[in-house]
Amino acid sequence: MWYRNEFVAHMEEVLDVYSRPYDPQKPLICLDEKPYMMHADKVQPLPIQSKSPRKIDYE
């Protein structure tokens, strides 16, 4: 199969964390990556210099 025993073991560790009872001293915080697309630059790209391509900072 495409997965390995090590991957399954790590996945089970994560699932164990989710099944723990609530502990106010150790709250469970879940984060989810959201696919937000930037439609504008926060800062203008640096100008082109001789023998150097334009540089853009991705924030």
PDB file of N, CA and C in Angstrom:
ATOM      1  N   MET A   1       0.836  -1.187   0.000  1.00  0.00           N
ATOM      2  CA  MET A   1       0.000   0.000   0.000  1.00  0.00           C
ATOM      3  C   MET A   1       0.880   1.250   0.000  1.00  0.00           C
ATOM      4  N   TRP A   2       0.265   2.406  -0.235  1.00  0.00           N
ATOM      5  CA  TRP A   2       1.017   3.660  -0.381  1.00  0.00           C
ATOM      6  C   TRP A   2       1.521   4.195   0.939  1.00  0.00           C
ATOM      7  N   TYR A   3       0.968   3.747   2.064  1.00  0.00           N
ATOM      8  CA  TYR A   3       1.414   4.276   3.347  1.00  0.00           C
ATOM      9  C   TYR A   3       2.333   3.272   4.029  1.00  0.00           C
ATOM     10  N   ARG A   4       3.057   3.764   4.989  1.00  0.00           N
ATOM     11  CA  ARG A   4       3.992   2.920   5.720  1.00  0.00           C
ATOM     12  C   ARG A   4       3.561   2.834   7.164  1.00  0.00           C
ATOM     13  N   ASN A   5       4.082   1.849   7.848  1.00  0.00           N
ATOM     14  CA  ASN A   5       3.731   1.644   9.252  1.00  0.00           C
ATOM     15  C   ASN A   5       4.069   2.862  10.100  1.00  0.00           C
ATOM     16  N   GLU A   6       5.166   3.522   9.791  1.00  0.00           N
ATOM     17  CA  GLU A   6       5.567   4.707  10.557  1.00  0.00           C
ATOM     18  C   GLU A   6       4.532   5.826  10.409  1.00  0.00           C
ATOM     19  N   PHE A   7       4.031   6.018   9.201  1.00  0.00           N
ATOM     20  CA  PHE A   7       3.007   7.037   8.966  1.00  0.00           C
ATOM     21  C   PHE A   7       1.750   6.724   9.767  1.00  0.00           C
ATOM     22  N   VAL A   8       1.324   5.470   9.741  1.00  0.00           N
ATOM     23  CA  VAL A   8       0.121   5.067  10.470  1.00  0.00           C
ATOM     24  C   VAL A   8       0.318   5.283  11.965  1.00  0.00           C
ATOM     25  N   ALA A   9       1.512   4.978  12.472  1.00  0.00           N
ATOM     26  CA  ALA A   9       1.787   5.178  13.899  1.00  0.00           C
ATOM     27  C   ALA A   9       1.673   6.651  14.270  1.00  0.00           C
ATOM     28  N   HIS A  10       2.215   7.539  13.450  1.00  0.00           N
ATOM     29  CA  HIS A  10       2.122   8.981  13.721  1.00  0.00           C
ATOM     30  C   HIS A  10       0.675   9.462  13.621  1.00  0.00           C
ATOM     31  N   MET A  11      -0.060   8.938  12.656  1.00  0.00           N
ATOM     32  CA  MET A  11      -1.451   9.315  12.502  1.00  0.00           C
ATOM     33  C   MET A  11      -2.256   8.891  13.735  1.00  0.00           C
ATOM     34  N   GLU A  12      -1.966   7.716  14.268  1.00  0.00           N
ATOM     35  CA  GLU A  12      -2.668   7.249  15.465  1.00  0.00           C
ATOM     36  C   GLU A  12      -2.338   8.118  16.672  1.00  0.00           C
ATOM     37  N   GLU A  13      -1.093   8.613  16.753  1.00  0.00           N
ATOM     38  CA  GLU A  13      -0.725   9.529  17.844  1.00  0.00           C
ATOM     39  C   GLU A  13      -1.575  10.798  17.779  1.00  0.00           C
ATOM     40  N   VAL A  14      -1.755  11.327  16.583  1.00  0.00           N
ATOM     41  CA  VAL A  14      -2.566  12.535  16.416  1.00  0.00           C
ATOM     42  C   VAL A  14      -4.011  12.253  16.812  1.00  0.00           C
ATOM     43  N   LEU A  15      -4.537  11.129  16.388  1.00  0.00           N
ATOM     44  CA  LEU A  15      -5.913  10.778  16.736  1.00  0.00           C
ATOM     45  C   LEU A  15      -6.074  10.584  18.239  1.00  0.00           C
ATOM     46  N   ASP A  16      -5.037  10.068  18.902  1.00  0.00           N
ATOM     47  CA  ASP A  16      -5.081   9.924  20.366  1.00  0.00           C
ATOM     48  C   ASP A  16      -5.205  11.283  21.039  1.00  0.00           C
ATOM     49  N   VAL A  17      -4.511  12.278  20.516  1.00  0.00           N
ATOM     50  CA  VAL A  17      -4.592  13.627  21.090  1.00  0.00           C
ATOM     51  C   VAL A  17      -6.026  14.141  21.001  1.00  0.00           C
ATOM     52  N   TYR A  18      -6.673  13.938  19.861  1.00  0.00           N
ATOM     53  CA  TYR A  18      -8.049  14.409  19.686  1.00  0.00           C
ATOM     54  C   TYR A  18      -9.039  13.686  20.597  1.00  0.00           C
ATOM     55  N   SER A  19      -8.729  12.467  20.993  1.00  0.00           N
ATOM     56  CA  SER A  19      -9.668  11.703  21.823  1.00  0.00           C
ATOM     57  C   SER A  19      -9.453  11.908  23.321  1.00  0.00           C
ATOM     58  N   ARG A  20      -8.453  12.692  23.704  1.00  0.00           N
ATOM     59  CA  ARG A  20      -8.213  12.946  25.133  1.00  0.00           C
ATOM     60  C   ARG A  20      -9.355  13.767  25.730  1.00  0.00           C
ATOM     61  N   PRO A  21      -9.638  13.551  27.023  1.00  0.00           N
ATOM     62  CA  PRO A  21     -10.645  14.398  27.674  1.00  0.00           C
ATOM     63  C   PRO A  21     -10.132  15.837  27.801  1.00  0.00           C
ATOM     64  N   TYR A  22     -11.053  16.777  27.905  1.00  0.00           N
ATOM     65  CA  TYR A  22     -10.684  18.189  27.993  1.00  0.00           C
ATOM     66  C   TYR A  22      -9.892  18.460  29.259  1.00  0.00           C
ATOM     67  N   ASP A  23      -8.777  19.161  29.110  1.00  0.00           N
ATOM     68  CA  ASP A  23      -7.940  19.563  30.240  1.00  0.00           C
ATOM     69  C   ASP A  23      -7.675  21.057  30.089  1.00  0.00           C
ATOM     70  N   PRO A  24      -8.214  21.904  31.003  1.00  0.00           N
ATOM     71  CA  PRO A  24      -8.007  23.349  30.860  1.00  0.00           C
ATOM     72  C   PRO A  24      -6.537  23.758  30.970  1.00  0.00           C
ATOM     73  N   GLN A  25      -5.703  22.913  31.579  1.00  0.00           N
ATOM     74  CA  GLN A  25      -4.273  23.217  31.671  1.00  0.00           C
ATOM     75  C   GLN A  25      -3.544  22.941  30.346  1.00  0.00           C
ATOM     76  N   LYS A  26      -4.133  22.091  29.518  1.00  0.00           N
ATOM     77  CA  LYS A  26      -3.553  21.751  28.216  1.00  0.00           C
ATOM     78  C   LYS A  26      -4.650  21.810  27.157  1.00  0.00           C
ATOM     79  N   PRO A  27      -5.086  23.004  26.785  1.00  0.00           N
ATOM     80  CA  PRO A  27      -6.171  23.094  25.798  1.00  0.00           C
ATOM     81  C   PRO A  27      -5.711  22.609  24.421  1.00  0.00           C
ATOM     82  N   LEU A  28      -6.633  22.051  23.695  1.00  0.00           N
ATOM     83  CA  LEU A  28      -6.366  21.586  22.343  1.00  0.00           C
ATOM     84  C   LEU A  28      -6.605  22.741  21.377  1.00  0.00           C
ATOM     85  N   ILE A  29      -5.597  23.064  20.610  1.00  0.00           N
ATOM     86  CA  ILE A  29      -5.698  24.150  19.636  1.00  0.00           C
ATOM     87  C   ILE A  29      -5.522  23.539  18.256  1.00  0.00           C
ATOM     88  N   CYS A  30      -6.492  23.750  17.403  1.00  0.00           N
ATOM     89  CA  CYS A  30      -6.448  23.203  16.047  1.00  0.00           C
ATOM     90  C   CYS A  30      -6.208  24.334  15.054  1.00  0.00           C
ATOM     91  N   LEU A  31      -5.321  24.097  14.125  1.00  0.00           N
ATOM     92  CA  LEU A  31      -5.038  25.072  13.070  1.00  0.00           C
ATOM     93  C   LEU A  31      -5.319  24.424  11.727  1.00  0.00           C
ATOM     94  N   ASP A  32      -5.804  25.209  10.820  1.00  0.00           N
ATOM     95  CA  ASP A  32      -6.094  24.716   9.485  1.00  0.00           C
ATOM     96  C   ASP A  32      -5.529  25.708   8.482  1.00  0.00           C
ATOM     97  N   GLU A  33      -4.778  25.201   7.529  1.00  0.00           N
ATOM     98  CA  GLU A  33      -4.253  26.079   6.493  1.00  0.00           C
ATOM     99  C   GLU A  33      -5.384  26.415   5.536  1.00  0.00           C
ATOM    100  N   LYS A  34      -5.526  27.675   5.268  1.00  0.00           N
ATOM    101  CA  LYS A  34      -6.576  28.105   4.351  1.00  0.00           C
ATOM    102  C   LYS A  34      -5.927  28.619   3.069  1.00  0.00           C
ATOM    103  N   PRO A  35      -6.457  28.248   1.938  1.00  0.00           N
ATOM    104  CA  PRO A  35      -5.852  28.648   0.671  1.00  0.00           C
ATOM    105  C   PRO A  35      -6.240  30.066   0.257  1.00  0.00           C
ATOM    106  N   TYR A  36      -5.745  31.055   0.986  1.00  0.00           N
ATOM    107  CA  TYR A  36      -6.025  32.444   0.621  1.00  0.00           C
ATOM    108  C   TYR A  36      -5.059  32.886  -0.466  1.00  0.00           C
ATOM    109  N   MET A  37      -5.577  33.577  -1.426  1.00  0.00           N
ATOM    110  CA  MET A  37      -4.750  34.071  -2.510  1.00  0.00           C
ATOM    111  C   MET A  37      -4.587  35.580  -2.373  1.00  0.00           C
ATOM    112  N   MET A  38      -3.329  36.037  -2.451  1.00  0.00           N
ATOM    113  CA  MET A  38      -3.080  37.474  -2.389  1.00  0.00           C
ATOM    114  C   MET A  38      -3.385  38.076  -3.755  1.00  0.00           C
ATOM    115  N   HIS A  39      -4.165  39.137  -3.761  1.00  0.00           N
ATOM    116  CA  HIS A  39      -4.516  39.792  -5.016  1.00  0.00           C
ATOM    117  C   HIS A  39      -3.753  41.094  -5.230  1.00  0.00           C
ATOM    118  N   ALA A  40      -3.025  41.526  -4.218  1.00  0.00           N
ATOM    119  CA  ALA A  40      -2.251  42.762  -4.343  1.00  0.00           C
ATOM    120  C   ALA A  40      -1.009  42.657  -3.467  1.00  0.00           C
ATOM    121  N   ASP A  41       0.010  43.398  -3.845  1.00  0.00           N
ATOM    122  CA  ASP A  41       1.237  43.428  -3.050  1.00  0.00           C
ATOM    123  C   ASP A  41       1.067  44.362  -1.866  1.00  0.00           C
ATOM    124  N   LYS A  42       1.611  43.957  -0.706  1.00  0.00           N
ATOM    125  CA  LYS A  42       1.631  44.855   0.451  1.00  0.00           C
ATOM    126  C   LYS A  42       2.711  45.914   0.258  1.00  0.00           C
ATOM    127  N   VAL A  43       3.807  45.482  -0.337  1.00  0.00           N
ATOM    128  CA  VAL A  43       4.945  46.367  -0.588  1.00  0.00           C
ATOM    129  C   VAL A  43       5.301  46.232  -2.062  1.00  0.00           C
ATOM    130  N   GLN A  44       5.635  47.331  -2.694  1.00  0.00           N
ATOM    131  CA  GLN A  44       5.998  47.298  -4.103  1.00  0.00           C
ATOM    132  C   GLN A  44       7.283  46.487  -4.304  1.00  0.00           C
ATOM    133  N   PRO A  45       7.381  45.739  -5.405  1.00  0.00           N
ATOM    134  CA  PRO A  45       8.606  44.989  -5.689  1.00  0.00           C
ATOM    135  C   PRO A  45       9.802  45.923  -5.828  1.00  0.00           C
ATOM    136  N   LEU A  46      10.977  45.387  -5.525  1.00  0.00           N
ATOM    137  CA  LEU A  46      12.203  46.174  -5.680  1.00  0.00           C
ATOM    138  C   LEU A  46      12.450  46.418  -7.167  1.00  0.00           C
ATOM    139  N   PRO A  47      12.960  47.584  -7.511  1.00  0.00           N
ATOM    140  CA  PRO A  47      13.192  47.879  -8.931  1.00  0.00           C
ATOM    141  C   PRO A  47      14.296  46.993  -9.510  1.00  0.00           C
ATOM    142  N   ILE A  48      14.225  46.808 -10.812  1.00  0.00           N
ATOM    143  CA  ILE A  48      15.233  46.013 -11.502  1.00  0.00           C
ATOM    144  C   ILE A  48      16.543  46.782 -11.529  1.00  0.00           C
ATOM    145  N   GLN A  49      17.627  46.069 -11.240  1.00  0.00           N
ATOM    146  CA  GLN A  49      18.962  46.664 -11.317  1.00  0.00           C
ATOM    147  C   GLN A  49      19.747  45.934 -12.395  1.00  0.00           C
ATOM    148  N   SER A  50      20.814  46.510 -12.803  1.00  0.00           N
ATOM    149  CA  SER A  50      21.642  45.914 -13.833  1.00  0.00           C
ATOM    150  C   SER A  50      22.080  44.504 -13.420  1.00  0.00           C
ATOM    151  N   LYS A  51      21.885  43.534 -14.314  1.00  0.00           N
ATOM    152  CA  LYS A  51      22.277  42.134 -14.102  1.00  0.00           C
ATOM    153  C   LYS A  51      21.594  41.495 -12.895  1.00  0.00           C
ATOM    154  N   SER A  52      20.442  41.988 -12.529  1.00  0.00           N
ATOM    155  CA  SER A  52      19.713  41.430 -11.389  1.00  0.00           C
ATOM    156  C   SER A  52      18.221  41.412 -11.722  1.00  0.00           C
ATOM    157  N   PRO A  53      17.566  40.273 -11.566  1.00  0.00           N
ATOM    158  CA  PRO A  53      16.133  40.230 -11.862  1.00  0.00           C
ATOM    159  C   PRO A  53      15.310  40.951 -10.797  1.00  0.00           C
ATOM    160  N   ARG A  54      14.083  41.255 -11.149  1.00  0.00           N
ATOM    161  CA  ARG A  54      13.175  41.895 -10.193  1.00  0.00           C
ATOM    162  C   ARG A  54      12.978  40.955  -9.003  1.00  0.00           C
ATOM    163  N   LYS A  55      12.911  41.511  -7.806  1.00  0.00           N
ATOM    164  CA  LYS A  55      12.748  40.715  -6.591  1.00  0.00           C
ATOM    165  C   LYS A  55      11.411  41.049  -5.948  1.00  0.00           C
ATOM    166  N   ILE A  56      10.678  40.012  -5.553  1.00  0.00           N
ATOM    167  CA  ILE A  56       9.383  40.193  -4.914  1.00  0.00           C
ATOM    168  C   ILE A  56       9.400  39.468  -3.579  1.00  0.00           C
ATOM    169  N   ASP A  57       8.950  40.138  -2.530  1.00  0.00           N
ATOM    170  CA  ASP A  57       8.864  39.538  -1.203  1.00  0.00           C
ATOM    171  C   ASP A  57       7.454  39.002  -1.011  1.00  0.00           C
ATOM    172  N   TYR A  58       7.346  37.721  -0.748  1.00  0.00           N
ATOM    173  CA  TYR A  58       6.033  37.111  -0.530  1.00  0.00           C
ATOM    174  C   TYR A  58       5.727  37.107   0.950  1.00  0.00           C
ATOM    175  N   GLU A  59       4.678  37.805   1.359  1.00  0.00           N
ATOM    176  CA  GLU A  59       4.301  37.868   2.770  1.00  0.00           C
ATOM    177  C   GLU A  59       3.102  37.006   3.024  1.00  0.00           C
TER     178      GLU A  59
END
